């Protein structure tokens, strides 16, 4: 997928709701798995709405600080850049 396609790739409302429910369920139980946190953050980054994108950026910044895995860090940084770019494009 080229850079422009990534910037204009939007999550479906159904997927966003699905991952939000998964995240909220784990949050309620007191244990949020890193993969769930990332998946929900990625959905938020892919939203059409700036507030969702900002929330996704905050989630990615949070999990970036908590991981020591280089592969995961690289992915989180990449999607942080996508999120910030989407915010810039939206303004």
Protein backbone atom coordinates (compact mmCIF):
# COMPACT_ATOMS: atom_id res chain seq x y z
CA UNK A 1 0.00 0.00 0.00
CA UNK A 2 1.47 3.35 -0.98
CA UNK A 3 1.68 6.34 1.37
CA UNK A 4 -1.34 8.14 -0.05
CA UNK A 5 -3.51 5.03 0.22
CA UNK A 6 -2.55 4.64 3.88
CA UNK A 7 -3.48 8.25 4.65
CA UNK A 8 -6.89 7.88 3.02
CA UNK A 9 -7.65 4.41 4.40
CA UNK A 10 -10.58 4.63 6.82
CA UNK A 11 -11.87 2.10 9.30
CA UNK A 12 -15.47 0.90 9.01
CA UNK A 13 -17.85 1.86 11.79
CA UNK A 14 -18.38 -1.84 12.49
CA UNK A 15 -14.67 -2.55 12.95
CA UNK A 16 -14.20 0.50 15.15
CA UNK A 17 -17.11 -0.58 17.35
CA UNK A 18 -15.83 -4.18 17.49
CA UNK A 19 -12.36 -3.20 18.66
CA UNK A 20 -13.72 -0.57 21.03
CA UNK A 21 -15.92 -3.21 22.71
CA UNK A 22 -12.99 -5.61 22.98
CA UNK A 23 -10.82 -2.88 24.51
CA UNK A 24 -13.54 -1.75 26.94
CA UNK A 25 -14.22 -5.34 28.00
CA UNK A 26 -10.57 -5.92 28.84
CA UNK A 27 -10.34 -2.53 30.54
CA UNK A 28 -13.31 -3.46 32.73
CA UNK A 29 -11.54 -6.71 33.72
CA UNK A 30 -8.42 -4.71 34.56
CA UNK A 31 -6.09 -6.30 31.98
CA UNK A 32 -5.68 -4.84 28.51
CA UNK A 33 -3.56 -6.98 26.21
CA UNK A 34 -0.98 -5.07 24.19
CA UNK A 35 -2.36 -6.49 20.94
CA UNK A 36 -5.88 -5.28 21.81
CA UNK A 37 -4.55 -1.85 22.75
CA UNK A 38 -2.66 -1.66 19.45
CA UNK A 39 -5.59 -2.91 17.35
CA UNK A 40 -7.95 -0.36 18.88
CA UNK A 41 -5.36 2.42 18.50
CA UNK A 42 -4.91 1.46 14.86
CA UNK A 43 -8.67 1.64 14.29
CA UNK A 44 -8.74 5.08 15.90
CA UNK A 45 -5.85 6.24 13.71
CA UNK A 46 -7.83 5.08 10.67
CA UNK A 47 -10.93 7.05 11.70
CA UNK A 48 -12.29 9.99 9.71
CA UNK A 49 -12.56 12.02 12.90
CA UNK A 50 -9.72 14.10 14.32
CA UNK A 51 -10.68 13.37 17.94
CA UNK A 52 -10.46 9.63 17.31
CA UNK A 53 -7.10 10.06 15.58
CA UNK A 54 -5.79 12.06 18.54
CA UNK A 55 -6.99 9.35 20.94
CA UNK A 56 -5.26 6.70 18.79
CA UNK A 57 -2.05 8.74 18.84
CA UNK A 58 -2.21 8.97 22.64
CA UNK A 59 -2.75 5.19 22.90
CA UNK A 60 0.21 4.50 20.60
CA UNK A 61 2.44 6.87 22.57
CA UNK A 62 1.43 5.08 25.75
CA UNK A 63 2.14 1.56 24.50
CA UNK A 64 5.35 2.71 22.82
CA UNK A 65 6.68 3.67 26.25
CA UNK A 66 5.69 0.31 27.72
CA UNK A 67 7.29 -2.05 25.21
CA UNK A 68 10.87 -3.17 24.82
CA UNK A 69 10.27 -5.17 21.64
CA UNK A 70 12.04 -3.50 18.71
CA UNK A 71 9.59 -4.83 16.10
CA UNK A 72 6.61 -3.51 18.07
CA UNK A 73 8.32 -0.16 18.66
CA UNK A 74 8.92 0.20 14.93
CA UNK A 75 5.24 -0.52 14.18
CA UNK A 76 4.04 1.92 16.83
CA UNK A 77 6.31 4.68 15.54
CA UNK A 78 5.17 4.06 11.97
CA UNK A 79 1.50 4.36 12.88
CA UNK A 80 2.19 7.39 15.05
CA UNK A 81 3.62 9.04 11.94
CA UNK A 82 0.53 8.00 9.98
CA UNK A 83 -1.71 9.48 12.69
CA UNK A 84 0.13 12.79 12.79
CA UNK A 85 0.08 12.95 8.99
CA UNK A 86 -3.67 12.28 8.92
CA UNK A 87 -4.21 15.11 11.41
CA UNK A 88 -2.17 17.45 9.22
CA UNK A 89 -4.09 16.44 6.09
CA UNK A 90 -7.42 16.91 7.89
CA UNK A 91 -6.66 20.48 8.95
